[in-house]
PDB file of N, CA and C in Angstrom:
ATOM      1  N   MET A   1      34.396  33.376  17.134  1.00  0.00           N
ATOM      2  CA  MET A   1      33.581  32.873  18.220  1.00  0.00           C
ATOM      3  C   MET A   1      32.833  31.634  17.727  1.00  0.00           C
ATOM      4  N   ASN A   2      32.950  30.566  18.445  1.00  0.00           N
ATOM      5  CA  ASN A   2      32.234  29.338  18.120  1.00  0.00           C
ATOM      6  C   ASN A   2      30.886  29.346  18.832  1.00  0.00           C
ATOM      7  N   TRP A   3      29.819  29.449  18.082  1.00  0.00           N
ATOM      8  CA  TRP A   3      28.478  29.553  18.662  1.00  0.00           C
ATOM      9  C   TRP A   3      27.987  28.253  19.276  1.00  0.00           C
ATOM     10  N   PHE A   4      28.628  27.136  18.947  1.00  0.00           N
ATOM     11  CA  PHE A   4      28.193  25.855  19.476  1.00  0.00           C
ATOM     12  C   PHE A   4      28.987  25.441  20.711  1.00  0.00           C
ATOM     13  N   THR A   5      29.576  26.409  21.389  1.00  0.00           N
ATOM     14  CA  THR A   5      30.255  26.156  22.645  1.00  0.00           C
ATOM     15  C   THR A   5      29.252  26.326  23.782  1.00  0.00           C
ATOM     16  N   VAL A   6      29.172  25.312  24.615  1.00  0.00           N
ATOM     17  CA  VAL A   6      28.225  25.343  25.729  1.00  0.00           C
ATOM     18  C   VAL A   6      28.719  26.343  26.765  1.00  0.00           C
ATOM     19  N   LEU A   7      27.800  27.157  27.295  1.00  0.00           N
ATOM     20  CA  LEU A   7      28.141  28.133  28.325  1.00  0.00           C
ATOM     21  C   LEU A   7      28.557  27.427  29.612  1.00  0.00           C
ATOM     22  N   LYS A   8      29.490  28.011  30.321  1.00  0.00           N
ATOM     23  CA  LYS A   8      29.924  27.440  31.590  1.00  0.00           C
ATOM     24  C   LYS A   8      28.792  27.561  32.605  1.00  0.00           C
ATOM     25  N   GLY A   9      28.546  26.506  33.323  1.00  0.00           N
ATOM     26  CA  GLY A   9      27.492  26.507  34.327  1.00  0.00           C
ATOM     27  C   GLY A   9      26.110  26.222  33.764  1.00  0.00           C
ATOM     28  N   SER A  10      26.007  26.055  32.459  1.00  0.00           N
ATOM     29  CA  SER A  10      24.708  25.771  31.838  1.00  0.00           C
ATOM     30  C   SER A  10      24.487  24.261  31.818  1.00  0.00           C
ATOM     31  N   GLN A  11      23.345  23.843  32.315  1.00  0.00           N
ATOM     32  CA  GLN A  11      23.044  22.420  32.374  1.00  0.00           C
ATOM     33  C   GLN A  11      21.756  22.125  31.635  1.00  0.00           C
ATOM     34  N   ARG A  12      21.617  20.891  31.253  1.00  0.00           N
ATOM     35  CA  ARG A  12      20.397  20.432  30.605  1.00  0.00           C
ATOM     36  C   ARG A  12      19.321  20.275  31.682  1.00  0.00           C
ATOM     37  N   SER A  13      18.116  20.743  31.404  1.00  0.00           N
ATOM     38  CA  SER A  13      17.009  20.596  32.355  1.00  0.00           C
ATOM     39  C   SER A  13      16.569  19.140  32.419  1.00  0.00           C
ATOM     40  N   ALA A  14      15.916  18.794  33.486  1.00  0.00           N
ATOM     41  CA  ALA A  14      15.430  17.427  33.658  1.00  0.00           C
ATOM     42  C   ALA A  14      14.386  17.106  32.609  1.00  0.00           C
ATOM     43  N   SER A  15      14.458  15.887  32.087  1.00  0.00           N
ATOM     44  CA  SER A  15      13.476  15.485  31.079  1.00  0.00           C
ATOM     45  C   SER A  15      12.128  15.276  31.748  1.00  0.00           C
ATOM     46  N   GLY A  16      11.093  15.534  30.990  1.00  0.00           N
ATOM     47  CA  GLY A  16       9.745  15.439  31.540  1.00  0.00           C
ATOM     48  C   GLY A  16       8.823  14.654  30.638  1.00  0.00           C
ATOM     49  N   LEU A  17       7.627  15.134  30.518  1.00  0.00           N
ATOM     50  CA  LEU A  17       6.581  14.454  29.762  1.00  0.00           C
ATOM     51  C   LEU A  17       6.897  14.376  28.278  1.00  0.00           C
ATOM     52  N   GLU A  18       7.700  15.325  27.752  1.00  0.00           N
ATOM     53  CA  GLU A  18       7.978  15.346  26.313  1.00  0.00           C
ATOM     54  C   GLU A  18       8.714  14.089  25.851  1.00  0.00           C
ATOM     55  N   TRP A  19       9.595  13.528  26.674  1.00  0.00           N
ATOM     56  CA  TRP A  19      10.311  12.316  26.287  1.00  0.00           C
ATOM     57  C   TRP A  19       9.401  11.096  26.323  1.00  0.00           C
ATOM     58  N   GLN A  20       8.485  11.069  27.281  1.00  0.00           N
ATOM     59  CA  GLN A  20       7.535   9.949  27.342  1.00  0.00           C
ATOM     60  C   GLN A  20       6.635   9.944  26.110  1.00  0.00           C
ATOM     61  N   ILE A  21       6.148  11.118  25.727  1.00  0.00           N
ATOM     62  CA  ILE A  21       5.302  11.222  24.538  1.00  0.00           C
ATOM     63  C   ILE A  21       6.111  10.913  23.286  1.00  0.00           C
ATOM     64  N   TRP A  22       7.343  11.435  23.194  1.00  0.00           N
ATOM     65  CA  TRP A  22       8.199  11.249  22.022  1.00  0.00           C
ATOM     66  C   TRP A  22       8.429   9.758  21.746  1.00  0.00           C
ATOM     67  N   ARG A  23       8.635   8.986  22.810  1.00  0.00           N
ATOM     68  CA  ARG A  23       8.889   7.558  22.645  1.00  0.00           C
ATOM     69  C   ARG A  23       7.644   6.784  22.231  1.00  0.00           C
ATOM     70  N   LYS A  24       6.463   7.274  22.556  1.00  0.00           N
ATOM     71  CA  LYS A  24       5.219   6.584  22.216  1.00  0.00           C
ATOM     72  C   LYS A  24       4.658   6.990  20.855  1.00  0.00           C
ATOM     73  N   LEU A  25       5.193   8.044  20.241  1.00  0.00           N
ATOM     74  CA  LEU A  25       4.635   8.539  18.988  1.00  0.00           C
ATOM     75  C   LEU A  25       4.637   7.516  17.844  1.00  0.00           C
ATOM     76  N   PRO A  26       5.691   6.710  17.631  1.00  0.00           N
ATOM     77  CA  PRO A  26       5.611   5.727  16.545  1.00  0.00           C
ATOM     78  C   PRO A  26       4.474   4.725  16.728  1.00  0.00           C
ATOM     79  N   LEU A  27       4.276   4.246  17.945  1.00  0.00           N
ATOM     80  CA  LEU A  27       3.185   3.306  18.199  1.00  0.00           C
ATOM     81  C   LEU A  27       1.825   3.977  18.000  1.00  0.00           C
ATOM     82  N   ILE A  28       1.705   5.217  18.459  1.00  0.00           N
ATOM     83  CA  ILE A  28       0.453   5.953  18.291  1.00  0.00           C
ATOM     84  C   ILE A  28       0.165   6.175  16.808  1.00  0.00           C
ATOM     85  N   ALA A  29       1.193   6.519  16.043  1.00  0.00           N
ATOM     86  CA  ALA A  29       1.012   6.740  14.609  1.00  0.00           C
ATOM     87  C   ALA A  29       0.613   5.441  13.907  1.00  0.00           C
ATOM     88  N   LEU A  30       1.236   4.334  14.275  1.00  0.00           N
ATOM     89  CA  LEU A  30       0.915   3.051  13.658  1.00  0.00           C
ATOM     90  C   LEU A  30      -0.512   2.614  13.980  1.00  0.00           C
ATOM     91  N   LEU A  31      -0.882   2.685  15.256  1.00  0.00           N
ATOM     92  CA  LEU A  31      -2.239   2.275  15.648  1.00  0.00           C
ATOM     93  C   LEU A  31      -3.302   3.176  15.016  1.00  0.00           C
ATOM     94  N   GLY A  32      -3.034   4.469  14.967  1.00  0.00           N
ATOM     95  CA  GLY A  32      -3.994   5.398  14.380  1.00  0.00           C
ATOM     96  C   GLY A  32      -4.136   5.244  12.888  1.00  0.00           C
ATOM     97  N   SER A  33      -3.153   4.621  12.233  1.00  0.00           N
ATOM     98  CA  SER A  33      -3.242   4.375  10.797  1.00  0.00           C
ATOM     99  C   SER A  33      -3.871   3.020  10.487  1.00  0.00           C
ATOM    100  N   VAL A  34      -3.604   2.043  11.340  1.00  0.00           N
ATOM    101  CA  VAL A  34      -4.075   0.682  11.071  1.00  0.00           C
ATOM    102  C   VAL A  34      -5.539   0.487  11.483  1.00  0.00           C
ATOM    103  N   LEU A  35      -5.955   1.075  12.590  1.00  0.00           N
ATOM    104  CA  LEU A  35      -7.327   0.839  13.075  1.00  0.00           C
ATOM    105  C   LEU A  35      -8.417   1.288  12.090  1.00  0.00           C
ATOM    106  N   PRO A  36      -8.355   2.484  11.509  1.00  0.00           N
ATOM    107  CA  PRO A  36      -9.387   2.835  10.523  1.00  0.00           C
ATOM    108  C   PRO A  36      -9.366   1.928   9.291  1.00  0.00           C
ATOM    109  N   ALA A  37      -8.171   1.497   8.892  1.00  0.00           N
ATOM    110  CA  ALA A  37      -8.088   0.586   7.747  1.00  0.00           C
ATOM    111  C   ALA A  37      -8.718  -0.772   8.077  1.00  0.00           C
ATOM    112  N   LEU A  38      -8.486  -1.259   9.287  1.00  0.00           N
ATOM    113  CA  LEU A  38      -9.105  -2.525   9.690  1.00  0.00           C
ATOM    114  C   LEU A  38     -10.620  -2.410   9.797  1.00  0.00           C
ATOM    115  N   LEU A  39     -11.106  -1.280  10.306  1.00  0.00           N
ATOM    116  CA  LEU A  39     -12.557  -1.090  10.376  1.00  0.00           C
ATOM    117  C   LEU A  39     -13.176  -1.056   8.986  1.00  0.00           C
ATOM    118  N   TRP A  40     -12.514  -0.393   8.052  1.00  0.00           N
ATOM    119  CA  TRP A  40     -13.036  -0.335   6.687  1.00  0.00           C
ATOM    120  C   TRP A  40     -12.985  -1.713   6.032  1.00  0.00           C
ATOM    121  N   LEU A  41     -11.910  -2.467   6.276  1.00  0.00           N
ATOM    122  CA  LEU A  41     -11.812  -3.822   5.736  1.00  0.00           C
ATOM    123  C   LEU A  41     -12.887  -4.722   6.338  1.00  0.00           C
ATOM    124  N   GLY A  42     -13.152  -4.562   7.640  1.00  0.00           N
ATOM    125  CA  GLY A  42     -14.225  -5.337   8.272  1.00  0.00           C
ATOM    126  C   GLY A  42     -15.590  -5.019   7.668  1.00  0.00           C
ATOM    127  N   LEU A  43     -15.841  -3.738   7.376  1.00  0.00           N
ATOM    128  CA  LEU A  43     -17.098  -3.371   6.710  1.00  0.00           C
ATOM    129  C   LEU A  43     -17.166  -3.986   5.322  1.00  0.00           C
ATOM    130  N   ASP A  44     -16.051  -4.024   4.622  1.00  0.00           N
ATOM    131  CA  ASP A  44     -16.025  -4.594   3.279  1.00  0.00           C
ATOM    132  C   ASP A  44     -16.349  -6.084   3.303  1.00  0.00           C
ATOM    133  N   LEU A  45     -15.864  -6.781   4.320  1.00  0.00           N
ATOM    134  CA  LEU A  45     -16.162  -8.211   4.432  1.00  0.00           C
ATOM    135  C   LEU A  45     -17.589  -8.469   4.910  1.00  0.00           C
ATOM    136  N   TRP A  46     -18.124  -7.569   5.708  1.00  0.00           N
ATOM    137  CA  TRP A  46     -19.450  -7.774   6.298  1.00  0.00           C
ATOM    138  C   TRP A  46     -20.581  -7.402   5.337  1.00  0.00           C
ATOM    139  N   LEU A  47     -20.413  -6.313   4.602  1.00  0.00           N
ATOM    140  CA  LEU A  47     -21.465  -5.852   3.695  1.00  0.00           C
ATOM    141  C   LEU A  47     -21.361  -6.551   2.349  1.00  0.00           C
ATOM    142  N   ASP A  48     -22.504  -6.693   1.689  1.00  0.00           N
ATOM    143  CA  ASP A  48     -22.560  -7.294   0.356  1.00  0.00           C
ATOM    144  C   ASP A  48     -22.666  -6.160  -0.665  1.00  0.00           C
ATOM    145  N   ALA A  49     -21.529  -5.565  -1.013  1.00  0.00           N
ATOM    146  CA  ALA A  49     -21.526  -4.405  -1.898  1.00  0.00           C
ATOM    147  C   ALA A  49     -21.743  -4.786  -3.353  1.00  0.00           C
ATOM    148  N   ALA A  50     -21.500  -6.056  -3.709  1.00  0.00           N
ATOM    149  CA  ALA A  50     -21.641  -6.466  -5.108  1.00  0.00           C
ATOM    150  C   ALA A  50     -23.102  -6.517  -5.543  1.00  0.00           C
ATOM    151  N   SER A  51     -24.000  -6.841  -4.633  1.00  0.00           N
ATOM    152  CA  SER A  51     -25.404  -6.987  -5.036  1.00  0.00           C
ATOM    153  C   SER A  51     -26.280  -5.808  -4.607  1.00  0.00           C
ATOM    154  N   HIS A  52     -25.851  -4.991  -3.684  1.00  0.00           N
ATOM    155  CA  HIS A  52     -26.670  -3.869  -3.214  1.00  0.00           C
ATOM    156  C   HIS A  52     -25.939  -2.553  -3.470  1.00  0.00           C
ATOM    157  N   ALA A  53     -26.604  -1.674  -4.181  1.00  0.00           N
ATOM    158  CA  ALA A  53     -25.997  -0.373  -4.499  1.00  0.00           C
ATOM    159  C   ALA A  53     -25.877   0.494  -3.244  1.00  0.00           C
ATOM    160  N   LYS A  54     -26.839   0.335  -2.330  1.00  0.00           N
ATOM    161  CA  LYS A  54     -26.804   1.116  -1.099  1.00  0.00           C
ATOM    162  C   LYS A  54     -25.587   0.746  -0.255  1.00  0.00           C
ATOM    163  N   ASP A  55     -25.262  -0.549  -0.171  1.00  0.00           N
ATOM    164  CA  ASP A  55     -24.086  -0.989   0.574  1.00  0.00           C
ATOM    165  C   ASP A  55     -22.793  -0.522  -0.100  1.00  0.00           C
ATOM    166  N   ALA A  56     -22.792  -0.529  -1.422  1.00  0.00           N
ATOM    167  CA  ALA A  56     -21.602  -0.073  -2.149  1.00  0.00           C
ATOM    168  C   ALA A  56     -21.350   1.411  -1.891  1.00  0.00           C
ATOM    169  N   ARG A  57     -22.411   2.202  -1.872  1.00  0.00           N
ATOM    170  CA  ARG A  57     -22.249   3.637  -1.597  1.00  0.00           C
ATOM    171  C   ARG A  57     -21.774   3.860  -0.155  1.00  0.00           C
ATOM    172  N   PHE A  58     -22.343   3.122   0.787  1.00  0.00           N
ATOM    173  CA  PHE A  58     -21.928   3.248   2.181  1.00  0.00           C
ATOM    174  C   PHE A  58     -20.465   2.850   2.356  1.00  0.00           C
ATOM    175  N   LEU A  59     -20.050   1.779   1.689  1.00  0.00           N
ATOM    176  CA  LEU A  59     -18.677   1.312   1.774  1.00  0.00           C
ATOM    177  C   LEU A  59     -17.704   2.329   1.162  1.00  0.00           C
ATOM    178  N   SER A  60     -18.119   2.945   0.071  1.00  0.00           N
ATOM    179  CA  SER A  60     -17.291   3.977  -0.550  1.00  0.00           C
ATOM    180  C   SER A  60     -17.130   5.176   0.380  1.00  0.00           C
ATOM    181  N   THR A  61     -18.217   5.597   0.988  1.00  0.00           N
ATOM    182  CA  THR A  61     -18.162   6.714   1.934  1.00  0.00           C
ATOM    183  C   THR A  61     -17.311   6.354   3.149  1.00  0.00           C
ATOM    184  N   ALA A  62     -17.438   5.133   3.630  1.00  0.00           N
ATOM    185  CA  ALA A  62     -16.632   4.689   4.774  1.00  0.00           C
ATOM    186  C   ALA A  62     -15.145   4.690   4.428  1.00  0.00           C
ATOM    187  N   GLY A  63     -14.811   4.363   3.190  1.00  0.00           N
ATOM    188  CA  GLY A  63     -13.410   4.416   2.752  1.00  0.00           C
ATOM    189  C   GLY A  63     -12.868   5.832   2.790  1.00  0.00           C
ATOM    190  N   TYR A  64     -13.665   6.794   2.315  1.00  0.00           N
ATOM    191  CA  TYR A  64     -13.246   8.204   2.360  1.00  0.00           C
ATOM    192  C   TYR A  64     -13.067   8.691   3.803  1.00  0.00           C
ATOM    193  N   VAL A  65     -13.982   8.280   4.665  1.00  0.00           N
ATOM    194  CA  VAL A  65     -13.889   8.660   6.078  1.00  0.00           C
ATOM    195  C   VAL A  65     -12.641   8.045   6.712  1.00  0.00           C
ATOM    196  N   ALA A  66     -12.321   6.807   6.365  1.00  0.00           N
ATOM    197  CA  ALA A  66     -11.135   6.151   6.918  1.00  0.00           C
ATOM    198  C   ALA A  66      -9.861   6.860   6.456  1.00  0.00           C
ATOM    199  N   VAL A  67      -9.796   7.221   5.184  1.00  0.00           N
ATOM    200  CA  VAL A  67      -8.621   7.937   4.679  1.00  0.00           C
ATOM    201  C   VAL A  67      -8.506   9.298   5.364  1.00  0.00           C
ATOM    202  N   GLY A  68      -9.618   9.997   5.514  1.00  0.00           N
ATOM    203  CA  GLY A  68      -9.601  11.291   6.200  1.00  0.00           C
ATOM    204  C   GLY A  68      -9.165  11.169   7.647  1.00  0.00           C
ATOM    205  N   ALA A  69      -9.629  10.119   8.318  1.00  0.00           N
ATOM    206  CA  ALA A  69      -9.245   9.914   9.722  1.00  0.00           C
ATOM    207  C   ALA A  69      -7.746   9.633   9.843  1.00  0.00           C
ATOM    208  N   VAL A  70      -7.196   8.850   8.918  1.00  0.00           N
ATOM    209  CA  VAL A  70      -5.758   8.542   8.954  1.00  0.00           C
ATOM    210  C   VAL A  70      -4.934   9.803   8.692  1.00  0.00           C
ATOM    211  N   VAL A  71      -5.325  10.585   7.697  1.00  0.00           N
ATOM    212  CA  VAL A  71      -4.585  11.813   7.387  1.00  0.00           C
ATOM    213  C   VAL A  71      -4.662  12.789   8.558  1.00  0.00           C
ATOM    214  N   PHE A  72      -5.837  12.957   9.143  1.00  0.00           N
ATOM    215  CA  PHE A  72      -5.985  13.841  10.303  1.00  0.00           C
ATOM    216  C   PHE A  72      -5.138  13.364  11.476  1.00  0.00           C
ATOM    217  N   HIS A  73      -5.173  12.056  11.735  1.00  0.00           N
ATOM    218  CA  HIS A  73      -4.415  11.499  12.856  1.00  0.00           C
ATOM    219  C   HIS A  73      -2.914  11.703  12.658  1.00  0.00           C
ATOM    220  N   LEU A  74      -2.416  11.434  11.457  1.00  0.00           N
ATOM    221  CA  LEU A  74      -0.983  11.600  11.214  1.00  0.00           C
ATOM    222  C   LEU A  74      -0.575  13.067  11.300  1.00  0.00           C
ATOM    223  N   THR A  75      -1.462  13.971  10.910  1.00  0.00           N
ATOM    224  CA  THR A  75      -1.181  15.395  11.057  1.00  0.00           C
ATOM    225  C   THR A  75      -1.070  15.770  12.532  1.00  0.00           C
ATOM    226  N   MET A  76      -1.943  15.238  13.359  1.00  0.00           N
ATOM    227  CA  MET A  76      -1.877  15.522  14.789  1.00  0.00           C
ATOM    228  C   MET A  76      -0.631  14.908  15.423  1.00  0.00           C
ATOM    229  N   VAL A  77      -0.245  13.708  14.996  1.00  0.00           N
ATOM    230  CA  VAL A  77       0.971  13.087  15.525  1.00  0.00           C
ATOM    231  C   VAL A  77       2.182  13.927  15.142  1.00  0.00           C
ATOM    232  N   LEU A  78       2.229  14.419  13.914  1.00  0.00           N
ATOM    233  CA  LEU A  78       3.325  15.277  13.484  1.00  0.00           C
ATOM    234  C   LEU A  78       3.367  16.571  14.296  1.00  0.00           C
ATOM    235  N   THR A  79       2.211  17.158  14.556  1.00  0.00           N
ATOM    236  CA  THR A  79       2.152  18.388  15.349  1.00  0.00           C
ATOM    237  C   THR A  79       2.653  18.161  16.770  1.00  0.00           C
ATOM    238  N   VAL A  80       2.233  17.087  17.393  1.00  0.00           N
ATOM    239  CA  VAL A  80       2.692  16.777  18.749  1.00  0.00           C
ATOM    240  C   VAL A  80       4.192  16.465  18.741  1.00  0.00           C
ATOM    241  N   GLY A  81       4.663  15.789  17.700  1.00  0.00           N
ATOM    242  CA  GLY A  81       6.089  15.504  17.585  1.00  0.00           C
ATOM    243  C   GLY A  81       6.925  16.769  17.466  1.00  0.00           C
ATOM    244  N   ILE A  82       6.448  17.732  16.684  1.00  0.00           N
ATOM    245  CA  ILE A  82       7.156  19.009  16.572  1.00  0.00           C
ATOM    246  C   ILE A  82       7.170  19.722  17.917  1.00  0.00           C
ATOM    247  N   GLY A  83       6.057  19.684  18.640  1.00  0.00           N
ATOM    248  CA  GLY A  83       6.003  20.298  19.968  1.00  0.00           C
ATOM    249  C   GLY A  83       6.973  19.643  20.939  1.00  0.00           C
ATOM    250  N   CYS A  84       7.062  18.320  20.907  1.00  0.00           N
ATOM    251  CA  CYS A  84       8.018  17.621  21.784  1.00  0.00           C
ATOM    252  C   CYS A  84       9.447  18.000  21.421  1.00  0.00           C
ATOM    253  N   TRP A  85       9.755  18.077  20.133  1.00  0.00           N
ATOM    254  CA  TRP A  85      11.098  18.424  19.694  1.00  0.00           C
ATOM    255  C   TRP A  85      11.470  19.842  20.155  1.00  0.00           C
ATOM    256  N   VAL A  86      10.542  20.772  20.038  1.00  0.00           N
ATOM    257  CA  VAL A  86      10.813  22.151  20.467  1.00  0.00           C
ATOM    258  C   VAL A  86      11.088  22.192  21.966  1.00  0.00           C
ATOM    259  N   VAL A  87      10.311  21.475  22.759  1.00  0.00           N
ATOM    260  CA  VAL A  87      10.530  21.465  24.213  1.00  0.00           C
ATOM    261  C   VAL A  87      11.877  20.838  24.538  1.00  0.00           C
ATOM    262  N   MET A  88      12.254  19.771  23.828  1.00  0.00           N
ATOM    263  CA  MET A  88      13.547  19.133  24.089  1.00  0.00           C
ATOM    264  C   MET A  88      14.701  20.072  23.742  1.00  0.00           C
ATOM    265  N   VAL A  89      14.587  20.803  22.645  1.00  0.00           N
ATOM    266  CA  VAL A  89      15.637  21.751  22.271  1.00  0.00           C
ATOM    267  C   VAL A  89      15.712  22.889  23.281  1.00  0.00           C
ATOM    268  N   MET A  90      14.572  23.393  23.715  1.00  0.00           N
ATOM    269  CA  MET A  90      14.570  24.515  24.656  1.00  0.00           C
ATOM    270  C   MET A  90      15.078  24.112  26.041  1.00  0.00           C
ATOM    271  N   LYS A  91      14.954  22.844  26.412  1.00  0.00           N
ATOM    272  CA  LYS A  91      15.448  22.391  27.710  1.00  0.00           C
ATOM    273  C   LYS A  91      16.927  22.051  27.676  1.00  0.00           C
ATOM    274  N   GLY A  92      17.548  22.116  26.519  1.00  0.00           N
ATOM    275  CA  GLY A  92      18.964  21.789  26.380  1.00  0.00           C
ATOM    276  C   GLY A  92      19.853  22.839  27.022  1.00  0.00           C
ATOM    277  N   PRO A  93      21.165  22.608  26.972  1.00  0.00           N
ATOM    278  CA  PRO A  93      22.089  23.556  27.589  1.00  0.00           C
ATOM    279  C   PRO A  93      22.143  24.865  26.810  1.00  0.00           C
ATOM    280  N   GLY A  94      22.606  25.913  27.482  1.00  0.00           N
ATOM    281  CA  GLY A  94      22.763  27.204  26.832  1.00  0.00           C
ATOM    282  C   GLY A  94      24.052  27.244  26.027  1.00  0.00           C
ATOM    283  N   TYR A  95      24.026  27.913  24.900  1.00  0.00           N
ATOM    284  CA  TYR A  95      25.202  28.031  24.044  1.00  0.00           C
ATOM    285  C   TYR A  95      25.683  29.478  24.040  1.00  0.00           C
ATOM    286  N   VAL A  96      26.849  29.708  23.457  1.00  0.00           N
ATOM    287  CA  VAL A  96      27.458  31.032  23.436  1.00  0.00           C
ATOM    288  C   VAL A  96      26.524  32.048  22.793  1.00  0.00           C
ATOM    289  N   ALA A  97      25.859  31.680  21.718  1.00  0.00           N
ATOM    290  CA  ALA A  97      24.973  32.620  21.029  1.00  0.00           C
ATOM    291  C   ALA A  97      23.772  33.011  21.891  1.00  0.00           C
ATOM    292  N   ASP A  98      23.399  32.177  22.855  1.00  0.00           N
ATOM    293  CA  ASP A  98      22.276  32.502  23.732  1.00  0.00           C
ATOM    294  C   ASP A  98      22.611  33.622  24.707  1.00  0.00           C
ATOM    295  N   ALA A  99      23.899  33.828  24.980  1.00  0.00           N
ATOM    296  CA  ALA A  99      24.309  34.807  25.981  1.00  0.00           C
ATOM    297  C   ALA A  99      24.691  36.138  25.340  1.00  0.00           C
ATOM    298  N   TYR A 100      24.242  36.411  24.139  1.00  0.00           N
ATOM    299  CA  TYR A 100      24.586  37.660  23.474  1.00  0.00           C
ATOM    300  C   TYR A 100      24.021  38.832  24.266  1.00  0.00           C
ATOM    301  N   PRO A 101      24.868  39.765  24.721  1.00  0.00           N
ATOM    302  CA  PRO A 101      24.359  40.892  25.511  1.00  0.00           C
ATOM    303  C   PRO A 101      23.647  41.910  24.615  1.00  0.00           C
ATOM    304  N   VAL A 102      22.454  42.287  24.992  1.00  0.00           N
ATOM    305  CA  VAL A 102      21.674  43.255  24.242  1.00  0.00           C
ATOM    306  C   VAL A 102      21.797  44.603  24.942  1.00  0.00           C
ATOM    307  N   PRO A 103      22.258  45.651  24.227  1.00  0.00           N
ATOM    308  CA  PRO A 103      22.369  46.961  24.871  1.00  0.00           C
ATOM    309  C   PRO A 103      20.980  47.549  25.113  1.00  0.00           C
ATOM    310  N   HIS A 104      20.713  47.957  26.336  1.00  0.00           N
ATOM    311  CA  HIS A 104      19.421  48.542  26.687  1.00  0.00           C
ATOM    312  C   HIS A 104      19.613  50.024  27.003  1.00  0.00           C
ATOM    313  N   ARG A 105      18.819  50.855  26.362  1.00  0.00           N
ATOM    314  CA  ARG A 105      18.833  52.295  26.633  1.00  0.00           C
ATOM    315  C   ARG A 105      17.399  52.790  26.596  1.00  0.00           C
ATOM    316  N   ASP A 106      17.143  53.830  27.352  1.00  0.00           N
ATOM    317  CA  ASP A 106      15.804  54.416  27.323  1.00  0.00           C
ATOM    318  C   ASP A 106      15.522  55.087  25.986  1.00  0.00           C
ATOM    319  N   ARG A 107      16.517  55.844  25.513  1.00  0.00           N
ATOM    320  CA  ARG A 107      16.373  56.512  24.221  1.00  0.00           C
ATOM    321  C   ARG A 107      17.588  56.206  23.363  1.00  0.00           C
ATOM    322  N   PRO A 108      17.385  56.028  22.080  1.00  0.00           N
ATOM    323  CA  PRO A 108      18.541  55.834  21.212  1.00  0.00           C
ATOM    324  C   PRO A 108      19.363  57.115  21.118  1.00  0.00           C
ATOM    325  N   SER A 109      20.633  56.993  20.909  1.00  0.00           N
ATOM    326  CA  SER A 109      21.494  58.171  20.817  1.00  0.00           C
ATOM    327  C   SER A 109      21.185  58.950  19.539  1.00  0.00           C
ATOM    328  N   GLY A 110      21.220  60.271  19.640  1.00  0.00           N
ATOM    329  CA  GLY A 110      20.980  61.132  18.485  1.00  0.00           C
ATOM    330  C   GLY A 110      19.531  61.185  18.067  1.00  0.00           C
ATOM    331  N   SER A 111      18.608  61.030  19.010  1.00  0.00           N
ATOM    332  CA  SER A 111      17.195  61.059  18.642  1.00  0.00           C
ATOM    333  C   SER A 111      16.745  62.494  18.415  1.00  0.00           C
ATOM    334  N   ASP A 112      15.624  62.669  17.765  1.00  0.00           N
ATOM    335  CA  ASP A 112      15.090  63.992  17.452  1.00  0.00           C
ATOM    336  C   ASP A 112      14.672  64.747  18.699  1.00  0.00           C
ATOM    337  N   SER A 113      14.258  64.081  19.749  1.00  0.00           N
ATOM    338  CA  SER A 113      13.790  64.766  20.946  1.00  0.00           C
ATOM    339  C   SER A 113      14.938  65.480  21.663  1.00  0.00           C
ATOM    340  N   GLU A 114      16.155  64.914  21.602  1.00  0.00           N
ATOM    341  CA  GLU A 114      17.293  65.565  22.232  1.00  0.00           C
ATOM    342  C   GLU A 114      17.660  66.865  21.508  1.00  0.00           C
ATOM    343  N   THR A 115      17.600  66.867  20.201  1.00  0.00           N
ATOM    344  CA  THR A 115      17.966  68.052  19.439  1.00  0.00           C
ATOM    345  C   THR A 115      16.905  69.119  19.543  1.00  0.00           C
ATOM    346  N   SER A 116      15.642  68.737  19.629  1.00  0.00           N
ATOM    347  CA  SER A 116      14.588  69.750  19.731  1.00  0.00           C
ATOM    348  C   SER A 116      14.576  70.393  21.113  1.00  0.00           C
ATOM    349  N   ASP A 117      14.950  69.648  22.181  1.00  0.00           N
ATOM    350  CA  ASP A 117      15.005  70.218  23.529  1.00  0.00           C
ATOM    351  C   ASP A 117      16.140  71.228  23.665  1.00  0.00           C
ATOM    352  N   SER A 118      17.265  70.955  23.055  1.00  0.00           N
ATOM    353  CA  SER A 118      18.407  71.845  23.189  1.00  0.00           C
ATOM    354  C   SER A 118      18.246  73.126  22.377  1.00  0.00           C
ATOM    355  N   SER A 119      17.472  73.117  21.310  1.00  0.00           N
ATOM    356  CA  SER A 119      17.296  74.296  20.469  1.00  0.00           C
ATOM    357  C   SER A 119      16.225  75.229  21.019  1.00  0.00           C
ATOM    358  N   ALA A 120      15.353  74.765  21.883  1.00  0.00           N
ATOM    359  CA  ALA A 120      14.260  75.590  22.363  1.00  0.00           C
ATOM    360  C   ALA A 120      14.605  76.418  23.547  1.00  0.00           C
TER     361      ALA A 120
END
């Protein structure tokens, strides 16, 4: 049995919001990485960190915050990307393995309750 055979009558669902988000993710990731770096660079040019220890400490802290913001943003972009991918896969056509019939019974055969009822 070839599991990658599409089921007869199975169609791909209409694309929705997941494709719109999927296409915008690279731009969102780029902007979310560049903007904190530009803000930190702007602070570096504006503050006089060489002569004031207070400005140097603030600039150092701002650098840590910028790195944290970029890492957090990229983590969120990755999470949304995984969610879009899952929705796209789930909206795809049905395959042979999806139609596996599951036997349903109220009680499994040879259970203890059947043997105890017949002996009493």
